[in-house]
PDB file of N, CA and C in Angstrom:
ATOM      1  N   MET A   1       0.843  -1.176   0.000  1.00  0.00           N
ATOM      2  CA  MET A   1       0.000   0.000   0.000  1.00  0.00           C
ATOM      3  C   MET A   1       0.889   1.241   0.000  1.00  0.00           C
ATOM      4  N   LYS A   2       0.465   2.226  -0.782  1.00  0.00           N
ATOM      5  CA  LYS A   2       1.164   3.510  -0.829  1.00  0.00           C
ATOM      6  C   LYS A   2       0.156   4.624  -0.579  1.00  0.00           C
ATOM      7  N   ALA A   3       0.645   5.749  -0.110  1.00  0.00           N
ATOM      8  CA  ALA A   3      -0.195   6.920   0.103  1.00  0.00           C
ATOM      9  C   ALA A   3       0.468   8.113  -0.568  1.00  0.00           C
ATOM     10  N   TYR A   4      -0.365   9.009  -1.049  1.00  0.00           N
ATOM     11  CA  TYR A   4       0.102  10.222  -1.718  1.00  0.00           C
ATOM     12  C   TYR A   4      -0.683  11.406  -1.174  1.00  0.00           C
ATOM     13  N   VAL A   5      -0.047  12.564  -1.102  1.00  0.00           N
ATOM     14  CA  VAL A   5      -0.711  13.790  -0.665  1.00  0.00           C
ATOM     15  C   VAL A   5      -0.678  14.769  -1.830  1.00  0.00           C
ATOM     16  N   SER A   6      -1.861  15.260  -2.213  1.00  0.00           N
ATOM     17  CA  SER A   6      -1.965  16.170  -3.355  1.00  0.00           C
ATOM     18  C   SER A   6      -1.741  17.619  -2.937  1.00  0.00           C
ATOM     19  N   GLU A   7      -1.736  18.479  -3.931  1.00  0.00           N
ATOM     20  CA  GLU A   7      -1.559  19.916  -3.707  1.00  0.00           C
ATOM     21  C   GLU A   7      -2.754  20.544  -2.991  1.00  0.00           C
ATOM     22  N   GLU A   8      -3.838  19.784  -2.833  1.00  0.00           N
ATOM     23  CA  GLU A   8      -5.015  20.285  -2.121  1.00  0.00           C
ATOM     24  C   GLU A   8      -4.764  20.408  -0.622  1.00  0.00           C
ATOM     25  N   CYS A   9      -3.688  19.822  -0.134  1.00  0.00           N
ATOM     26  CA  CYS A   9      -3.350  19.822   1.293  1.00  0.00           C
ATOM     27  C   CYS A   9      -3.226  21.254   1.821  1.00  0.00           C
ATOM     28  N   ILE A  10      -3.821  21.477   2.999  1.00  0.00           N
ATOM     29  CA  ILE A  10      -3.767  22.805   3.626  1.00  0.00           C
ATOM     30  C   ILE A  10      -2.908  22.800   4.900  1.00  0.00           C
ATOM     31  N   LEU A  11      -2.119  21.749   5.090  1.00  0.00           N
ATOM     32  CA  LEU A  11      -1.220  21.627   6.247  1.00  0.00           C
ATOM     33  C   LEU A  11      -1.952  21.703   7.586  1.00  0.00           C
ATOM     34  N   CYS A  12      -3.124  21.089   7.662  1.00  0.00           N
ATOM     35  CA  CYS A  12      -3.851  21.119   8.939  1.00  0.00           C
ATOM     36  C   CYS A  12      -3.182  20.234   9.987  1.00  0.00           C
ATOM     37  N   GLY A  13      -2.410  19.231   9.546  1.00  0.00           N
ATOM     38  CA  GLY A  13      -1.686  18.372  10.471  1.00  0.00           C
ATOM     39  C   GLY A  13      -2.448  17.163  10.969  1.00  0.00           C
ATOM     40  N   LEU A  14      -3.686  16.999  10.543  1.00  0.00           N
ATOM     41  CA  LEU A  14      -4.497  15.882  11.014  1.00  0.00           C
ATOM     42  C   LEU A  14      -3.855  14.533  10.687  1.00  0.00           C
ATOM     43  N   CYS A  15      -3.374  14.370   9.473  1.00  0.00           N
ATOM     44  CA  CYS A  15      -2.772  13.089   9.081  1.00  0.00           C
ATOM     45  C   CYS A  15      -1.516  12.796   9.895  1.00  0.00           C
ATOM     46  N   ALA A  16      -0.703  13.806  10.127  1.00  0.00           N
ATOM     47  CA  ALA A  16       0.521  13.621  10.915  1.00  0.00           C
ATOM     48  C   ALA A  16       0.194  13.290  12.367  1.00  0.00           C
ATOM     49  N   ASP A  17      -0.894  13.845  12.890  1.00  0.00           N
ATOM     50  CA  ASP A  17      -1.320  13.518  14.248  1.00  0.00           C
ATOM     51  C   ASP A  17      -1.863  12.096  14.327  1.00  0.00           C
ATOM     52  N   MET A  18      -2.597  11.685  13.303  1.00  0.00           N
ATOM     53  CA  MET A  18      -3.205  10.355  13.298  1.00  0.00           C
ATOM     54  C   MET A  18      -2.191   9.252  13.014  1.00  0.00           C
ATOM     55  N   CYS A  19      -1.224   9.527  12.150  1.00  0.00           N
ATOM     56  CA  CYS A  19      -0.253   8.512  11.718  1.00  0.00           C
ATOM     57  C   CYS A  19       1.167   9.064  11.760  1.00  0.00           C
ATOM     58  N   PRO A  20       1.677   9.329  12.945  1.00  0.00           N
ATOM     59  CA  PRO A  20       3.065   9.805  13.013  1.00  0.00           C
ATOM     60  C   PRO A  20       4.011   8.731  12.484  1.00  0.00           C
ATOM     61  N   GLY A  21       5.045   9.158  11.821  1.00  0.00           N
ATOM     62  CA  GLY A  21       5.977   8.208  11.217  1.00  0.00           C
ATOM     63  C   GLY A  21       5.608   7.844   9.798  1.00  0.00           C
ATOM     64  N   ILE A  22       4.390   8.171   9.392  1.00  0.00           N
ATOM     65  CA  ILE A  22       3.944   7.960   8.011  1.00  0.00           C
ATOM     66  C   ILE A  22       3.819   9.316   7.323  1.00  0.00           C
ATOM     67  N   PHE A  23       3.123  10.249   7.984  1.00  0.00           N
ATOM     68  CA  PHE A  23       2.938  11.598   7.451  1.00  0.00           C
ATOM     69  C   PHE A  23       3.707  12.590   8.312  1.00  0.00           C
ATOM     70  N   GLU A  24       4.318  13.564   7.666  1.00  0.00           N
ATOM     71  CA  GLU A  24       4.965  14.679   8.354  1.00  0.00           C
ATOM     72  C   GLU A  24       4.605  15.958   7.620  1.00  0.00           C
ATOM     73  N   LEU A  25       4.581  17.058   8.351  1.00  0.00           N
ATOM     74  CA  LEU A  25       4.293  18.342   7.726  1.00  0.00           C
ATOM     75  C   LEU A  25       5.522  18.834   6.980  1.00  0.00           C
ATOM     76  N   GLY A  26       5.335  19.139   5.705  1.00  0.00           N
ATOM     77  CA  GLY A  26       6.407  19.693   4.897  1.00  0.00           C
ATOM     78  C   GLY A  26       6.276  21.198   4.823  1.00  0.00           C
ATOM     79  N   ASP A  27       6.980  21.802   3.889  1.00  0.00           N
ATOM     80  CA  ASP A  27       6.923  23.255   3.738  1.00  0.00           C
ATOM     81  C   ASP A  27       5.620  23.717   3.108  1.00  0.00           C
ATOM     82  N   GLU A  28       5.129  22.973   2.113  1.00  0.00           N
ATOM     83  CA  GLU A  28       3.939  23.394   1.383  1.00  0.00           C
ATOM     84  C   GLU A  28       2.760  22.454   1.545  1.00  0.00           C
ATOM     85  N   LYS A  29       3.016  21.223   1.980  1.00  0.00           N
ATOM     86  CA  LYS A  29       1.957  20.242   2.187  1.00  0.00           C
ATOM     87  C   LYS A  29       2.504  19.129   3.060  1.00  0.00           C
ATOM     88  N   SER A  30       1.612  18.288   3.542  1.00  0.00           N
ATOM     89  CA  SER A  30       2.059  17.108   4.278  1.00  0.00           C
ATOM     90  C   SER A  30       2.758  16.169   3.314  1.00  0.00           C
ATOM     91  N   GLU A  31       3.673  15.381   3.852  1.00  0.00           N
ATOM     92  CA  GLU A  31       4.436  14.459   3.017  1.00  0.00           C
ATOM     93  C   GLU A  31       4.376  13.061   3.604  1.00  0.00           C
ATOM     94  N   VAL A  32       4.358  12.077   2.722  1.00  0.00           N
ATOM     95  CA  VAL A  32       4.453  10.681   3.133  1.00  0.00           C
ATOM     96  C   VAL A  32       5.942  10.370   3.231  1.00  0.00           C
ATOM     97  N   VAL A  33       6.380   9.878   4.380  1.00  0.00           N
ATOM     98  CA  VAL A  33       7.814   9.701   4.608  1.00  0.00           C
ATOM     99  C   VAL A  33       8.271   8.244   4.512  1.00  0.00           C
ATOM    100  N   VAL A  34       7.397   7.356   4.041  1.00  0.00           N
ATOM    101  CA  VAL A  34       7.767   5.956   3.810  1.00  0.00           C
ATOM    102  C   VAL A  34       7.357   5.570   2.393  1.00  0.00           C
ATOM    103  N   ASP A  35       8.077   4.629   1.803  1.00  0.00           N
ATOM    104  CA  ASP A  35       7.723   4.167   0.458  1.00  0.00           C
ATOM    105  C   ASP A  35       6.497   3.268   0.481  1.00  0.00           C
ATOM    106  N   GLU A  36       6.493   2.317   1.385  1.00  0.00           N
ATOM    107  CA  GLU A  36       5.374   1.390   1.534  1.00  0.00           C
ATOM    108  C   GLU A  36       4.803   1.538   2.941  1.00  0.00           C
ATOM    109  N   ILE A  37       3.478   1.586   3.033  1.00  0.00           N
ATOM    110  CA  ILE A  37       2.831   1.681   4.337  1.00  0.00           C
ATOM    111  C   ILE A  37       2.864   0.293   4.983  1.00  0.00           C
ATOM    112  N   PRO A  38       3.454   0.166   6.168  1.00  0.00           N
ATOM    113  CA  PRO A  38       3.488  -1.137   6.839  1.00  0.00           C
ATOM    114  C   PRO A  38       2.067  -1.632   7.141  1.00  0.00           C
ATOM    115  N   PRO A  39       1.848  -2.933   7.101  1.00  0.00           N
ATOM    116  CA  PRO A  39       0.504  -3.477   7.347  1.00  0.00           C
ATOM    117  C   PRO A  39      -0.136  -2.969   8.640  1.00  0.00           C
ATOM    118  N   GLU A  40       0.646  -2.813   9.687  1.00  0.00           N
ATOM    119  CA  GLU A  40       0.078  -2.374  10.967  1.00  0.00           C
ATOM    120  C   GLU A  40      -0.329  -0.903  10.964  1.00  0.00           C
ATOM    121  N   GLN A  41       0.046  -0.143   9.948  1.00  0.00           N
ATOM    122  CA  GLN A  41      -0.308   1.280   9.842  1.00  0.00           C
ATOM    123  C   GLN A  41      -1.372   1.541   8.773  1.00  0.00           C
ATOM    124  N   GLN A  42      -1.782   0.518   8.037  1.00  0.00           N
ATOM    125  CA  GLN A  42      -2.689   0.730   6.911  1.00  0.00           C
ATOM    126  C   GLN A  42      -4.063   1.240   7.331  1.00  0.00           C
ATOM    127  N   ASP A  43      -4.622   0.710   8.419  1.00  0.00           N
ATOM    128  CA  ASP A  43      -5.926   1.195   8.874  1.00  0.00           C
ATOM    129  C   ASP A  43      -5.849   2.663   9.269  1.00  0.00           C
ATOM    130  N   CYS A  44      -4.781   3.035   9.947  1.00  0.00           N
ATOM    131  CA  CYS A  44      -4.601   4.422  10.360  1.00  0.00           C
ATOM    132  C   CYS A  44      -4.521   5.348   9.140  1.00  0.00           C
ATOM    133  N   CYS A  45      -3.838   4.904   8.092  1.00  0.00           N
ATOM    134  CA  CYS A  45      -3.712   5.723   6.882  1.00  0.00           C
ATOM    135  C   CYS A  45      -5.049   5.873   6.170  1.00  0.00           C
ATOM    136  N   ARG A  46      -5.818   4.806   6.142  1.00  0.00           N
ATOM    137  CA  ARG A  46      -7.158   4.897   5.539  1.00  0.00           C
ATOM    138  C   ARG A  46      -8.035   5.877   6.328  1.00  0.00           C
ATOM    139  N   GLU A  47      -7.957   5.809   7.648  1.00  0.00           N
ATOM    140  CA  GLU A  47      -8.722   6.735   8.487  1.00  0.00           C
ATOM    141  C   GLU A  47      -8.271   8.177   8.269  1.00  0.00           C
ATOM    142  N   ALA A  48      -6.976   8.389   8.126  1.00  0.00           N
ATOM    143  CA  ALA A  48      -6.464   9.736   7.864  1.00  0.00           C
ATOM    144  C   ALA A  48      -6.980  10.248   6.521  1.00  0.00           C
ATOM    145  N   ALA A  49      -6.989   9.383   5.512  1.00  0.00           N
ATOM    146  CA  ALA A  49      -7.485   9.782   4.191  1.00  0.00           C
ATOM    147  C   ALA A  49      -8.965  10.147   4.262  1.00  0.00           C
ATOM    148  N   GLU A  50      -9.747   9.357   4.995  1.00  0.00           N
ATOM    149  CA  GLU A  50     -11.178   9.638   5.128  1.00  0.00           C
ATOM    150  C   GLU A  50     -11.432  10.901   5.942  1.00  0.00           C
ATOM    151  N   SER A  51     -10.538  11.219   6.865  1.00  0.00           N
ATOM    152  CA  SER A  51     -10.711  12.383   7.740  1.00  0.00           C
ATOM    153  C   SER A  51     -10.162  13.678   7.157  1.00  0.00           C
ATOM    154  N   CYS A  52      -9.350  13.587   6.119  1.00  0.00           N
ATOM    155  CA  CYS A  52      -8.714  14.773   5.540  1.00  0.00           C
ATOM    156  C   CYS A  52      -9.773  15.772   5.076  1.00  0.00           C
ATOM    157  N   PRO A  53      -9.731  17.016   5.567  1.00  0.00           N
ATOM    158  CA  PRO A  53     -10.769  17.991   5.219  1.00  0.00           C
ATOM    159  C   PRO A  53     -10.773  18.410   3.751  1.00  0.00           C
ATOM    160  N   THR A  54      -9.678  18.211   3.040  1.00  0.00           N
ATOM    161  CA  THR A  54      -9.641  18.588   1.622  1.00  0.00           C
ATOM    162  C   THR A  54      -9.514  17.375   0.702  1.00  0.00           C
ATOM    163  N   ASP A  55      -9.653  16.171   1.249  1.00  0.00           N
ATOM    164  CA  ASP A  55      -9.512  14.930   0.463  1.00  0.00           C
ATOM    165  C   ASP A  55      -8.194  14.899  -0.296  1.00  0.00           C
ATOM    166  N   ALA A  56      -7.131  15.350   0.351  1.00  0.00           N
ATOM    167  CA  ALA A  56      -5.828  15.454  -0.311  1.00  0.00           C
ATOM    168  C   ALA A  56      -5.014  14.161  -0.258  1.00  0.00           C
ATOM    169  N   ILE A  57      -5.471  13.171   0.509  1.00  0.00           N
ATOM    170  CA  ILE A  57      -4.711  11.926   0.645  1.00  0.00           C
ATOM    171  C   ILE A  57      -5.314  10.859  -0.249  1.00  0.00           C
ATOM    172  N   GLU A  58      -4.476  10.290  -1.088  1.00  0.00           N
ATOM    173  CA  GLU A  58      -4.898   9.193  -1.962  1.00  0.00           C
ATOM    174  C   GLU A  58      -4.185   7.928  -1.508  1.00  0.00           C
ATOM    175  N   ILE A  59      -4.955   6.858  -1.387  1.00  0.00           N
ATOM    176  CA  ILE A  59      -4.420   5.558  -0.996  1.00  0.00           C
ATOM    177  C   ILE A  59      -4.429   4.651  -2.216  1.00  0.00           C
ATOM    178  N   ASP A  60      -3.307   4.004  -2.466  1.00  0.00           N
ATOM    179  CA  ASP A  60      -3.180   3.061  -3.579  1.00  0.00           C
ATOM    180  C   ASP A  60      -2.876   1.689  -2.994  1.00  0.00           C
ATOM    181  N   ASP A  61      -3.902   0.830  -3.020  1.00  0.00           N
ATOM    182  CA  ASP A  61      -3.711  -0.528  -2.503  1.00  0.00           C
ATOM    183  C   ASP A  61      -2.978  -1.335  -3.526  1.00  0.00           C
TER     184      ASP A  61
END
């Protein structure tokens, strides 16, 4: 599983709070800091994507 953050990101920090170690706040948007989402973090990433206020997180299973 991979995750991507689009330019729609407003740096609210919700994803980084929900999934530390996967998402971090960058200069212009949140960034995914791992190549592959570990199985034990996949549910958290899906929840972050569903909770994102701008739908900026895309999950690729």
